[in-house]
Amino acid sequence: QVQLVESGGGLVQAGGSLRLSCAASGSIFRFIDMGWYRQAPGKQRDLVATITSGGRTNYADSVKGRFTISRDNTKNTVYLQMDSLKPEDTAVYYCSWSQPPRYWGQGTQVTVSS
């Protein structure tokens, strides 16, 4: 009943930037806490950042100061601005609906070359 579609991934060089978008379906998006997770090959899916319905944000230590999560409730969209990217940021990035997640997007690949 909830659809999440990520976009914005791609190939970038270390030090570069990307902005990921997650478009959500439904009329209750503005009331839902959202998040971004990532999963590197052979590793578990880890939390990157969260944003509450009220706009409160939290970040994994590994991305703090480099990534910014935001949302536009008029567009049912959550964003992840990624700056100063490092090769270790390479992963599939997933958008999540609610905390803990109840729904996931299909993922978008982010590859950072050195």
PDB file of N, CA and C in Angstrom:
ATOM      1  N   GLN A   1       0.808  -1.211   0.000  1.00  0.00           N
ATOM      2  CA  GLN A   1       0.000   0.000   0.000  1.00  0.00           C
ATOM      3  C   GLN A   1       0.844   1.264   0.000  1.00  0.00           C
ATOM      4  N   VAL A   2       2.128   1.140   0.308  1.00  0.00           N
ATOM      5  CA  VAL A   2       3.057   2.249   0.250  1.00  0.00           C
ATOM      6  C   VAL A   2       4.123   1.940  -0.787  1.00  0.00           C
ATOM      7  N   GLN A   3       4.325   2.862  -1.686  1.00  0.00           N
ATOM      8  CA  GLN A   3       5.359   2.733  -2.692  1.00  0.00           C
ATOM      9  C   GLN A   3       6.422   3.803  -2.479  1.00  0.00           C
ATOM     10  N   LEU A   4       7.676   3.390  -2.519  1.00  0.00           N
ATOM     11  CA  LEU A   4       8.812   4.284  -2.361  1.00  0.00           C
ATOM     12  C   LEU A   4       9.736   4.091  -3.556  1.00  0.00           C
ATOM     13  N   VAL A   5      10.073   5.171  -4.222  1.00  0.00           N
ATOM     14  CA  VAL A   5      10.904   5.104  -5.416  1.00  0.00           C
ATOM     15  C   VAL A   5      12.106   6.008  -5.234  1.00  0.00           C
ATOM     16  N   GLU A   6      13.294   5.396  -5.138  1.00  0.00           N
ATOM     17  CA  GLU A   6      14.531   6.154  -4.998  1.00  0.00           C
ATOM     18  C   GLU A   6      15.092   6.510  -6.365  1.00  0.00           C
ATOM     19  N   SER A   7      15.815   7.614  -6.402  1.00  0.00           N
ATOM     20  CA  SER A   7      16.512   8.024  -7.605  1.00  0.00           C
ATOM     21  C   SER A   7      17.693   8.896  -7.208  1.00  0.00           C
ATOM     22  N   GLY A   8      18.583   9.127  -8.156  1.00  0.00           N
ATOM     23  CA  GLY A   8      19.696  10.034  -7.938  1.00  0.00           C
ATOM     24  C   GLY A   8      21.043   9.384  -7.734  1.00  0.00           C
ATOM     25  N   GLY A   9      21.079   8.063  -7.652  1.00  0.00           N
ATOM     26  CA  GLY A   9      22.349   7.387  -7.493  1.00  0.00           C
ATOM     27  C   GLY A   9      23.173   7.450  -8.764  1.00  0.00           C
ATOM     28  N   GLY A  10      24.424   7.041  -8.647  1.00  0.00           N
ATOM     29  CA  GLY A  10      25.301   7.048  -9.796  1.00  0.00           C
ATOM     30  C   GLY A  10      26.748   6.875  -9.408  1.00  0.00           C
ATOM     31  N   LEU A  11      27.614   7.143 -10.360  1.00  0.00           N
ATOM     32  CA  LEU A  11      29.059   7.047 -10.176  1.00  0.00           C
ATOM     33  C   LEU A  11      29.648   8.432  -9.958  1.00  0.00           C
ATOM     34  N   VAL A  12      30.414   8.568  -8.901  1.00  0.00           N
ATOM     35  CA  VAL A  12      31.085   9.831  -8.613  1.00  0.00           C
ATOM     36  C   VAL A  12      32.493   9.551  -8.115  1.00  0.00           C
ATOM     37  N   GLN A  13      33.350  10.543  -8.245  1.00  0.00           N
ATOM     38  CA  GLN A  13      34.691  10.448  -7.702  1.00  0.00           C
ATOM     39  C   GLN A  13      34.702  10.867  -6.240  1.00  0.00           C
ATOM     40  N   ALA A  14      35.673  10.358  -5.511  1.00  0.00           N
ATOM     41  CA  ALA A  14      35.829  10.754  -4.117  1.00  0.00           C
ATOM     42  C   ALA A  14      35.874  12.272  -4.004  1.00  0.00           C
ATOM     43  N   GLY A  15      35.167  12.777  -3.003  1.00  0.00           N
ATOM     44  CA  GLY A  15      35.062  14.211  -2.815  1.00  0.00           C
ATOM     45  C   GLY A  15      33.875  14.844  -3.499  1.00  0.00           C
ATOM     46  N   GLY A  16      33.206  14.089  -4.350  1.00  0.00           N
ATOM     47  CA  GLY A  16      32.064  14.603  -5.071  1.00  0.00           C
ATOM     48  C   GLY A  16      30.782  14.548  -4.263  1.00  0.00           C
ATOM     49  N   SER A  17      29.689  14.921  -4.920  1.00  0.00           N
ATOM     50  CA  SER A  17      28.390  15.006  -4.264  1.00  0.00           C
ATOM     51  C   SER A  17      27.313  14.345  -5.095  1.00  0.00           C
ATOM     52  N   LEU A  18      26.288  13.873  -4.417  1.00  0.00           N
ATOM     53  CA  LEU A  18      25.080  13.363  -5.035  1.00  0.00           C
ATOM     54  C   LEU A  18      23.906  13.736  -4.152  1.00  0.00           C
ATOM     55  N   ARG A  19      22.737  13.882  -4.762  1.00  0.00           N
ATOM     56  CA  ARG A  19      21.518  14.045  -4.001  1.00  0.00           C
ATOM     57  C   ARG A  19      20.546  12.947  -4.377  1.00  0.00           C
ATOM     58  N   LEU A  20      20.183  12.145  -3.400  1.00  0.00           N
ATOM     59  CA  LEU A  20      19.215  11.087  -3.588  1.00  0.00           C
ATOM     60  C   LEU A  20      17.822  11.598  -3.262  1.00  0.00           C
ATOM     61  N   SER A  21      16.848  11.093  -3.988  1.00  0.00           N
ATOM     62  CA  SER A  21      15.454  11.426  -3.743  1.00  0.00           C
ATOM     63  C   SER A  21      14.661  10.157  -3.523  1.00  0.00           C
ATOM     64  N   CYS A  22      13.652  10.244  -2.697  1.00  0.00           N
ATOM     65  CA  CYS A  22      12.731   9.141  -2.461  1.00  0.00           C
ATOM     66  C   CYS A  22      11.326   9.702  -2.514  1.00  0.00           C
ATOM     67  N   ALA A  23      10.588   9.305  -3.534  1.00  0.00           N
ATOM     68  CA  ALA A  23       9.213   9.736  -3.703  1.00  0.00           C
ATOM     69  C   ALA A  23       8.282   8.686  -3.123  1.00  0.00           C
ATOM     70  N   ALA A  24       7.396   9.107  -2.236  1.00  0.00           N
ATOM     71  CA  ALA A  24       6.502   8.199  -1.535  1.00  0.00           C
ATOM     72  C   ALA A  24       5.063   8.409  -1.964  1.00  0.00           C
ATOM     73  N   SER A  25       4.315   7.329  -1.957  1.00  0.00           N
ATOM     74  CA  SER A  25       2.889   7.405  -2.220  1.00  0.00           C
ATOM     75  C   SER A  25       2.135   7.638  -0.922  1.00  0.00           C
ATOM     76  N   GLY A  26       0.859   7.979  -1.044  1.00  0.00           N
ATOM     77  CA  GLY A  26      -0.001   8.079   0.122  1.00  0.00           C
ATOM     78  C   GLY A  26      -0.230   9.489   0.601  1.00  0.00           C
ATOM     79  N   SER A  27      -1.278   9.634   1.386  1.00  0.00           N
ATOM     80  CA  SER A  27      -1.689  10.934   1.902  1.00  0.00           C
ATOM     81  C   SER A  27      -1.197  11.210   3.317  1.00  0.00           C
ATOM     82  N   ILE A  28      -0.532  10.248   3.945  1.00  0.00           N
ATOM     83  CA  ILE A  28      -0.097  10.415   5.327  1.00  0.00           C
ATOM     84  C   ILE A  28       1.412  10.586   5.449  1.00  0.00           C
ATOM     85  N   PHE A  29       2.091  10.821   4.343  1.00  0.00           N
ATOM     86  CA  PHE A  29       3.546  10.956   4.350  1.00  0.00           C
ATOM     87  C   PHE A  29       4.011  11.970   5.394  1.00  0.00           C
ATOM     88  N   ARG A  30       3.322  13.078   5.504  1.00  0.00           N
ATOM     89  CA  ARG A  30       3.754  14.154   6.390  1.00  0.00           C
ATOM     90  C   ARG A  30       3.751  13.760   7.856  1.00  0.00           C
ATOM     91  N   PHE A  31       3.081  12.669   8.192  1.00  0.00           N
ATOM     92  CA  PHE A  31       3.027  12.199   9.570  1.00  0.00           C
ATOM     93  C   PHE A  31       4.032  11.090   9.868  1.00  0.00           C
ATOM     94  N   ILE A  32       4.799  10.676   8.878  1.00  0.00           N
ATOM     95  CA  ILE A  32       5.642   9.490   8.981  1.00  0.00           C
ATOM     96  C   ILE A  32       7.105   9.859   9.113  1.00  0.00           C
ATOM     97  N   ASP A  33       7.795   9.209  10.058  1.00  0.00           N
ATOM     98  CA  ASP A  33       9.242   9.319  10.139  1.00  0.00           C
ATOM     99  C   ASP A  33       9.869   8.536   8.980  1.00  0.00           C
ATOM    100  N   MET A  34      10.871   9.119   8.364  1.00  0.00           N
ATOM    101  CA  MET A  34      11.504   8.512   7.202  1.00  0.00           C
ATOM    102  C   MET A  34      12.990   8.308   7.454  1.00  0.00           C
ATOM    103  N   GLY A  35      13.602   7.474   6.629  1.00  0.00           N
ATOM    104  CA  GLY A  35      15.018   7.228   6.799  1.00  0.00           C
ATOM    105  C   GLY A  35      15.697   6.790   5.523  1.00  0.00           C
ATOM    106  N   TRP A  36      17.012   6.821   5.575  1.00  0.00           N
ATOM    107  CA  TRP A  36      17.863   6.264   4.540  1.00  0.00           C
ATOM    108  C   TRP A  36      18.772   5.224   5.164  1.00  0.00           C
ATOM    109  N   TYR A  37      18.877   4.093   4.502  1.00  0.00           N
ATOM    110  CA  TYR A  37      19.789   3.027   4.873  1.00  0.00           C
ATOM    111  C   TYR A  37      20.690   2.727   3.692  1.00  0.00           C
ATOM    112  N   ARG A  38      21.779   2.022   3.951  1.00  0.00           N
ATOM    113  CA  ARG A  38      22.634   1.592   2.854  1.00  0.00           C
ATOM    114  C   ARG A  38      23.166   0.197   3.131  1.00  0.00           C
ATOM    115  N   GLN A  39      23.457  -0.506   2.053  1.00  0.00           N
ATOM    116  CA  GLN A  39      23.960  -1.861   2.150  1.00  0.00           C
ATOM    117  C   GLN A  39      25.077  -2.062   1.135  1.00  0.00           C
ATOM    118  N   ALA A  40      26.274  -2.300   1.639  1.00  0.00           N
ATOM    119  CA  ALA A  40      27.423  -2.585   0.803  1.00  0.00           C
ATOM    120  C   ALA A  40      27.480  -4.085   0.528  1.00  0.00           C
ATOM    121  N   PRO A  41      28.181  -4.490  -0.533  1.00  0.00           N
ATOM    122  CA  PRO A  41      28.265  -5.917  -0.858  1.00  0.00           C
ATOM    123  C   PRO A  41      28.786  -6.741   0.314  1.00  0.00           C
ATOM    124  N   GLY A  42      28.077  -7.819   0.632  1.00  0.00           N
ATOM    125  CA  GLY A  42      28.486  -8.711   1.695  1.00  0.00           C
ATOM    126  C   GLY A  42      28.252  -8.200   3.095  1.00  0.00           C
ATOM    127  N   LYS A  43      27.571  -7.063   3.237  1.00  0.00           N
ATOM    128  CA  LYS A  43      27.349  -6.483   4.545  1.00  0.00           C
ATOM    129  C   LYS A  43      25.866  -6.279   4.799  1.00  0.00           C
ATOM    130  N   GLN A  44      25.534  -6.042   6.053  1.00  0.00           N
ATOM    131  CA  GLN A  44      24.146  -5.823   6.423  1.00  0.00           C
ATOM    132  C   GLN A  44      23.707  -4.416   6.050  1.00  0.00           C
ATOM    133  N   ARG A  45      22.395  -4.226   6.064  1.00  0.00           N
ATOM    134  CA  ARG A  45      21.831  -2.919   5.784  1.00  0.00           C
ATOM    135  C   ARG A  45      21.925  -2.050   7.035  1.00  0.00           C
ATOM    136  N   ASP A  46      22.585  -0.910   6.914  1.00  0.00           N
ATOM    137  CA  ASP A  46      22.843  -0.040   8.050  1.00  0.00           C
ATOM    138  C   ASP A  46      22.110   1.285   7.914  1.00  0.00           C
ATOM    139  N   LEU A  47      21.713   1.813   9.044  1.00  0.00           N
ATOM    140  CA  LEU A  47      21.059   3.112   9.088  1.00  0.00           C
ATOM    141  C   LEU A  47      22.043   4.218   8.741  1.00  0.00           C
ATOM    142  N   VAL A  48      21.624   5.125   7.885  1.00  0.00           N
ATOM    143  CA  VAL A  48      22.421   6.282   7.500  1.00  0.00           C
ATOM    144  C   VAL A  48      21.901   7.546   8.168  1.00  0.00           C
ATOM    145  N   ALA A  49      20.609   7.791   8.038  1.00  0.00           N
ATOM    146  CA  ALA A  49      20.019   9.009   8.574  1.00  0.00           C
ATOM    147  C   ALA A  49      18.523   8.826   8.724  1.00  0.00           C
ATOM    148  N   THR A  50      17.944   9.560   9.660  1.00  0.00           N
ATOM    149  CA  THR A  50      16.497   9.570   9.840  1.00  0.00           C
ATOM    150  C   THR A  50      16.008  10.999   9.956  1.00  0.00           C
ATOM    151  N   ILE A  51      14.742  11.180   9.637  1.00  0.00           N
ATOM    152  CA  ILE A  51      14.092  12.467   9.822  1.00  0.00           C
ATOM    153  C   ILE A  51      12.670  12.204  10.285  1.00  0.00           C
ATOM    154  N   THR A  52      12.278  12.840  11.371  1.00  0.00           N
ATOM    155  CA  THR A  52      10.946  12.645  11.907  1.00  0.00           C
ATOM    156  C   THR A  52       9.938  13.476  11.137  1.00  0.00           C
ATOM    157  N   SER A  53       8.672  13.217  11.426  1.00  0.00           N
ATOM    158  CA  SER A  53       7.614  14.002  10.806  1.00  0.00           C
ATOM    159  C   SER A  53       7.762  15.483  11.124  1.00  0.00           C
ATOM    160  N   GLY A  54       8.350  15.786  12.274  1.00  0.00           N
ATOM    161  CA  GLY A  54       8.562  17.164  12.673  1.00  0.00           C
ATOM    162  C   GLY A  54       9.856  17.772  12.183  1.00  0.00           C
ATOM    163  N   GLY A  55      10.676  16.984  11.472  1.00  0.00           N
ATOM    164  CA  GLY A  55      11.902  17.506  10.905  1.00  0.00           C
ATOM    165  C   GLY A  55      13.152  17.288  11.733  1.00  0.00           C
ATOM    166  N   ARG A  56      13.050  16.549  12.822  1.00  0.00           N
ATOM    167  CA  ARG A  56      14.225  16.250  13.628  1.00  0.00           C
ATOM    168  C   ARG A  56      15.074  15.200  12.920  1.00  0.00           C
ATOM    169  N   THR A  57      16.383  15.419  12.866  1.00  0.00           N
ATOM    170  CA  THR A  57      17.275  14.541  12.120  1.00  0.00           C
ATOM    171  C   THR A  57      18.291  13.861  13.020  1.00  0.00           C
ATOM    172  N   ASN A  58      18.719  12.686  12.587  1.00  0.00           N
ATOM    173  CA  ASN A  58      19.795  11.952  13.223  1.00  0.00           C
ATOM    174  C   ASN A  58      20.629  11.285  12.146  1.00  0.00           C
ATOM    175  N   TYR A  59      21.930  11.115  12.426  1.00  0.00           N
ATOM    176  CA  TYR A  59      22.856  10.582  11.442  1.00  0.00           C
ATOM    177  C   TYR A  59      23.772   9.542  12.061  1.00  0.00           C
ATOM    178  N   ALA A  60      24.147   8.582  11.241  1.00  0.00           N
ATOM    179  CA  ALA A  60      25.213   7.686  11.632  1.00  0.00           C
ATOM    180  C   ALA A  60      26.508   8.477  11.759  1.00  0.00           C
ATOM    181  N   ASP A  61      27.354   8.071  12.693  1.00  0.00           N
ATOM    182  CA  ASP A  61      28.609   8.781  12.898  1.00  0.00           C
ATOM    183  C   ASP A  61      29.454   8.839  11.630  1.00  0.00           C
ATOM    184  N   SER A  62      29.364   7.810  10.809  1.00  0.00           N
ATOM    185  CA  SER A  62      30.188   7.730   9.621  1.00  0.00           C
ATOM    186  C   SER A  62      29.841   8.781   8.564  1.00  0.00           C
ATOM    187  N   VAL A  63      28.646   9.349   8.639  1.00  0.00           N
ATOM    188  CA  VAL A  63      28.228  10.332   7.642  1.00  0.00           C
ATOM    189  C   VAL A  63      27.966  11.704   8.231  1.00  0.00           C
ATOM    190  N   LYS A  64      28.031  11.828   9.532  1.00  0.00           N
ATOM    191  CA  LYS A  64      27.741  13.091  10.197  1.00  0.00           C
ATOM    192  C   LYS A  64      28.666  14.190   9.683  1.00  0.00           C
ATOM    193  N   GLY A  65      28.081  15.315   9.341  1.00  0.00           N
ATOM    194  CA  GLY A  65      28.842  16.430   8.810  1.00  0.00           C
ATOM    195  C   GLY A  65      29.001  16.409   7.314  1.00  0.00           C
ATOM    196  N   ARG A  66      28.688  15.288   6.680  1.00  0.00           N
ATOM    197  CA  ARG A  66      28.818  15.162   5.228  1.00  0.00           C
ATOM    198  C   ARG A  66      27.476  14.990   4.529  1.00  0.00           C
ATOM    199  N   PHE A  67      26.546  14.303   5.183  1.00  0.00           N
ATOM    200  CA  PHE A  67      25.237  14.021   4.596  1.00  0.00           C
ATOM    201  C   PHE A  67      24.169  14.862   5.291  1.00  0.00           C
ATOM    202  N   THR A  68      23.139  15.214   4.545  1.00  0.00           N
ATOM    203  CA  THR A  68      22.016  15.952   5.089  1.00  0.00           C
ATOM    204  C   THR A  68      20.718  15.330   4.604  1.00  0.00           C
ATOM    205  N   ILE A  69      19.872  14.935   5.539  1.00  0.00           N
ATOM    206  CA  ILE A  69      18.558  14.412   5.193  1.00  0.00           C
ATOM    207  C   ILE A  69      17.537  15.539   5.328  1.00  0.00           C
ATOM    208  N   SER A  70      16.603  15.582   4.405  1.00  0.00           N
ATOM    209  CA  SER A  70      15.566  16.600   4.440  1.00  0.00           C
ATOM    210  C   SER A  70      14.297  16.029   3.822  1.00  0.00           C
ATOM    211  N   ARG A  71      13.217  16.770   3.938  1.00  0.00           N
ATOM    212  CA  ARG A  71      11.959  16.303   3.358  1.00  0.00           C
ATOM    213  C   ARG A  71      11.145  17.479   2.872  1.00  0.00           C
ATOM    214  N   ASP A  72      10.345  17.218   1.866  1.00  0.00           N
ATOM    215  CA  ASP A  72       9.408  18.189   1.334  1.00  0.00           C
ATOM    216  C   ASP A  72       8.042  17.527   1.368  1.00  0.00           C
ATOM    217  N   ASN A  73       7.255  17.868   2.359  1.00  0.00           N
ATOM    218  CA  ASN A  73       5.970  17.205   2.537  1.00  0.00           C
ATOM    219  C   ASN A  73       4.962  17.572   1.453  1.00  0.00           C
ATOM    220  N   THR A  74       5.166  18.698   0.779  1.00  0.00           N
ATOM    221  CA  THR A  74       4.281  19.055  -0.324  1.00  0.00           C
ATOM    222  C   THR A  74       4.508  18.178  -1.539  1.00  0.00           C
ATOM    223  N   LYS A  75       5.670  17.528  -1.598  1.00  0.00           N
ATOM    224  CA  LYS A  75       6.009  16.655  -2.713  1.00  0.00           C
ATOM    225  C   LYS A  75       6.094  15.189  -2.312  1.00  0.00           C
ATOM    226  N   ASN A  76       5.791  14.873  -1.067  1.00  0.00           N
ATOM    227  CA  ASN A  76       5.918  13.499  -0.569  1.00  0.00           C
ATOM    228  C   ASN A  76       7.298  12.927  -0.871  1.00  0.00           C
ATOM    229  N   THR A  77       8.328  13.719  -0.615  1.00  0.00           N
ATOM    230  CA  THR A  77       9.678  13.329  -0.991  1.00  0.00           C
ATOM    231  C   THR A  77      10.652  13.570   0.151  1.00  0.00           C
ATOM    232  N   VAL A  78      11.545  12.608   0.349  1.00  0.00           N
ATOM    233  CA  VAL A  78      12.654  12.754   1.285  1.00  0.00           C
ATOM    234  C   VAL A  78      13.944  12.728   0.482  1.00  0.00           C
ATOM    235  N   TYR A  79      14.916  13.520   0.901  1.00  0.00           N
ATOM    236  CA  TYR A  79      16.167  13.669   0.181  1.00  0.00           C
ATOM    237  C   TYR A  79      17.343  13.280   1.065  1.00  0.00           C
ATOM    238  N   LEU A  80      18.419  12.897   0.415  1.00  0.00           N
ATOM    239  CA  LEU A  80      19.692  12.710   1.096  1.00  0.00           C
ATOM    240  C   LEU A  80      20.762  13.407   0.276  1.00  0.00           C
ATOM    241  N   GLN A  81      21.207  14.544   0.758  1.00  0.00           N
ATOM    242  CA  GLN A  81      22.303  15.263   0.132  1.00  0.00           C
ATOM    243  C   GLN A  81      23.606  14.693   0.659  1.00  0.00           C
ATOM    244  N   MET A  82      24.439  14.187  -0.231  1.00  0.00           N
ATOM    245  CA  MET A  82      25.684  13.537   0.138  1.00  0.00           C
ATOM    246  C   MET A  82      26.836  14.344  -0.425  1.00  0.00           C
ATOM    247  N   ASP A  83      27.643  14.892   0.451  1.00  0.00           N
ATOM    248  CA  ASP A  83      28.810  15.677   0.076  1.00  0.00           C
ATOM    249  C   ASP A  83      30.073  14.995   0.580  1.00  0.00           C
ATOM    250  N   SER A  84      31.198  15.393   0.021  1.00  0.00           N
ATOM    251  CA  SER A  84      32.496  14.847   0.423  1.00  0.00           C
ATOM    252  C   SER A  84      32.477  13.326   0.439  1.00  0.00           C
ATOM    253  N   LEU A  85      31.971  12.756  -0.626  1.00  0.00           N
ATOM    254  CA  LEU A  85      31.800  11.307  -0.689  1.00  0.00           C
ATOM    255  C   LEU A  85      33.135  10.579  -0.652  1.00  0.00           C
ATOM    256  N   LYS A  86      33.117   9.431  -0.015  1.00  0.00           N
ATOM    257  CA  LYS A  86      34.287   8.577   0.132  1.00  0.00           C
ATOM    258  C   LYS A  86      34.005   7.224  -0.504  1.00  0.00           C
ATOM    259  N   PRO A  87      35.053   6.507  -0.918  1.00  0.00           N
ATOM    260  CA  PRO A  87      34.822   5.167  -1.474  1.00  0.00           C
ATOM    261  C   PRO A  87      34.037   4.258  -0.543  1.00  0.00           C
ATOM    262  N   GLU A  88      34.215   4.401   0.751  1.00  0.00           N
ATOM    263  CA  GLU A  88      33.494   3.566   1.696  1.00  0.00           C
ATOM    264  C   GLU A  88      32.000   3.888   1.780  1.00  0.00           C
ATOM    265  N   ASP A  89      31.565   4.955   1.112  1.00  0.00           N
ATOM    266  CA  ASP A  89      30.142   5.243   1.003  1.00  0.00           C
ATOM    267  C   ASP A  89      29.464   4.420  -0.085  1.00  0.00           C
ATOM    268  N   THR A  90      30.246   3.703  -0.871  1.00  0.00           N
ATOM    269  CA  THR A  90      29.694   2.888  -1.941  1.00  0.00           C
ATOM    270  C   THR A  90      28.737   1.849  -1.380  1.00  0.00           C
ATOM    271  N   ALA A  91      27.518   1.846  -1.885  1.00  0.00           N
ATOM    272  CA  ALA A  91      26.490   0.942  -1.391  1.00  0.00           C
ATOM    273  C   ALA A  91      25.224   1.154  -2.202  1.00  0.00           C
ATOM    274  N   VAL A  92      24.266   0.271  -1.993  1.00  0.00           N
ATOM    275  CA  VAL A  92      22.911   0.518  -2.454  1.00  0.00           C
ATOM    276  C   VAL A  92      22.195   1.258  -1.337  1.00  0.00           C
ATOM    277  N   TYR A  93      21.596   2.371  -1.669  1.00  0.00           N
ATOM    278  CA  TYR A  93      20.910   3.203  -0.694  1.00  0.00           C
ATOM    279  C   TYR A  93      19.409   2.990  -0.796  1.00  0.00           C
ATOM    280  N   TYR A  94      18.794   2.767   0.353  1.00  0.00           N
ATOM    281  CA  TYR A  94      17.373   2.461   0.428  1.00  0.00           C
ATOM    282  C   TYR A  94      16.644   3.499   1.259  1.00  0.00           C
ATOM    283  N   CYS A  95      15.498   3.888   0.786  1.00  0.00           N
ATOM    284  CA  CYS A  95      14.599   4.756   1.522  1.00  0.00           C
ATOM    285  C   CYS A  95      13.683   3.902   2.385  1.00  0.00           C
ATOM    286  N   SER A  96      13.419   4.347   3.606  1.00  0.00           N
ATOM    287  CA  SER A  96      12.549   3.615   4.523  1.00  0.00           C
ATOM    288  C   SER A  96      11.391   4.477   4.996  1.00  0.00           C
ATOM    289  N   TRP A  97      10.259   3.821   5.199  1.00  0.00           N
ATOM    290  CA  TRP A  97       9.016   4.446   5.646  1.00  0.00           C
ATOM    291  C   TRP A  97       8.755   3.990   7.067  1.00  0.00           C
ATOM    292  N   SER A  98       8.790   4.921   7.987  1.00  0.00           N
ATOM    293  CA  SER A  98       8.592   4.747   9.422  1.00  0.00           C
ATOM    294  C   SER A  98       9.835   4.197  10.115  1.00  0.00           C
ATOM    295  N   GLN A  99       9.907   4.396  11.423  1.00  0.00           N
ATOM    296  CA  GLN A  99      10.964   3.870  12.268  1.00  0.00           C
ATOM    297  C   GLN A  99      10.365   3.060  13.404  1.00  0.00           C
ATOM    298  N   PRO A 100      10.713   1.778  13.498  1.00  0.00           N
ATOM    299  CA  PRO A 100      11.545   1.025  12.567  1.00  0.00           C
ATOM    300  C   PRO A 100      10.869   0.865  11.202  1.00  0.00           C
ATOM    301  N   PRO A 101      11.635   0.600  10.161  1.00  0.00           N
ATOM    302  CA  PRO A 101      11.054   0.572   8.813  1.00  0.00           C
ATOM    303  C   PRO A 101       9.969  -0.476   8.651  1.00  0.00           C
ATOM    304  N   ARG A 102       8.894  -0.073   7.999  1.00  0.00           N
ATOM    305  CA  ARG A 102       7.833  -0.983   7.603  1.00  0.00           C
ATOM    306  C   ARG A 102       7.816  -1.227   6.107  1.00  0.00           C
ATOM    307  N   TYR A 103       8.330  -0.262   5.333  1.00  0.00           N
ATOM    308  CA  TYR A 103       8.368  -0.375   3.883  1.00  0.00           C
ATOM    309  C   TYR A 103       9.709   0.133   3.392  1.00  0.00           C
ATOM    310  N   TRP A 104      10.113  -0.404   2.234  1.00  0.00           N
ATOM    311  CA  TRP A 104      11.389  -0.048   1.614  1.00  0.00           C
ATOM    312  C   TRP A 104      11.212   0.296   0.154  1.00  0.00           C
ATOM    313  N   GLY A 105      12.070   1.164  -0.328  1.00  0.00           N
ATOM    314  CA  GLY A 105      12.177   1.373  -1.754  1.00  0.00           C
ATOM    315  C   GLY A 105      13.020   0.281  -2.384  1.00  0.00           C
ATOM    316  N   GLN A 106      13.186   0.359  -3.694  1.00  0.00           N
ATOM    317  CA  GLN A 106      13.927  -0.671  -4.426  1.00  0.00           C
ATOM    318  C   GLN A 106      15.439  -0.476  -4.334  1.00  0.00           C
ATOM    319  N   GLY A 107      15.878   0.672  -3.903  1.00  0.00           N
ATOM    320  CA  GLY A 107      17.289   0.971  -3.770  1.00  0.00           C
ATOM    321  C   GLY A 107      17.861   1.671  -4.986  1.00  0.00           C
ATOM    322  N   THR A 108      18.881   2.470  -4.746  1.00  0.00           N
ATOM    323  CA  THR A 108      19.608   3.123  -5.819  1.00  0.00           C
ATOM    324  C   THR A 108      21.100   3.001  -5.538  1.00  0.00           C
ATOM    325  N   GLN A 109      21.856   2.643  -6.560  1.00  0.00           N
ATOM    326  CA  GLN A 109      23.280   2.368  -6.401  1.00  0.00           C
ATOM    327  C   GLN A 109      24.080   3.659  -6.358  1.00  0.00           C
ATOM    328  N   VAL A 110      24.941   3.759  -5.362  1.00  0.00           N
ATOM    329  CA  VAL A 110      25.908   4.846  -5.262  1.00  0.00           C
ATOM    330  C   VAL A 110      27.295   4.226  -5.277  1.00  0.00           C
ATOM    331  N   THR A 111      28.108   4.628  -6.233  1.00  0.00           N
ATOM    332  CA  THR A 111      29.468   4.127  -6.340  1.00  0.00           C
ATOM    333  C   THR A 111      30.429   5.307  -6.327  1.00  0.00           C
ATOM    334  N   VAL A 112      31.361   5.277  -5.393  1.00  0.00           N
ATOM    335  CA  VAL A 112      32.342   6.345  -5.244  1.00  0.00           C
ATOM    336  C   VAL A 112      33.711   5.776  -5.571  1.00  0.00           C
ATOM    337  N   SER A 113      34.334   6.318  -6.581  1.00  0.00           N
ATOM    338  CA  SER A 113      35.643   5.850  -7.009  1.00  0.00           C
ATOM    339  C   SER A 113      36.738   6.664  -6.346  1.00  0.00           C
ATOM    340  N   SER A 114      37.892   6.038  -6.185  1.00  0.00           N
ATOM    341  CA  SER A 114      39.049   6.710  -5.610  1.00  0.00           C
ATOM    342  C   SER A 114      40.019   7.162  -6.678  1.00  0.00           C
TER     343      SER A 114
END
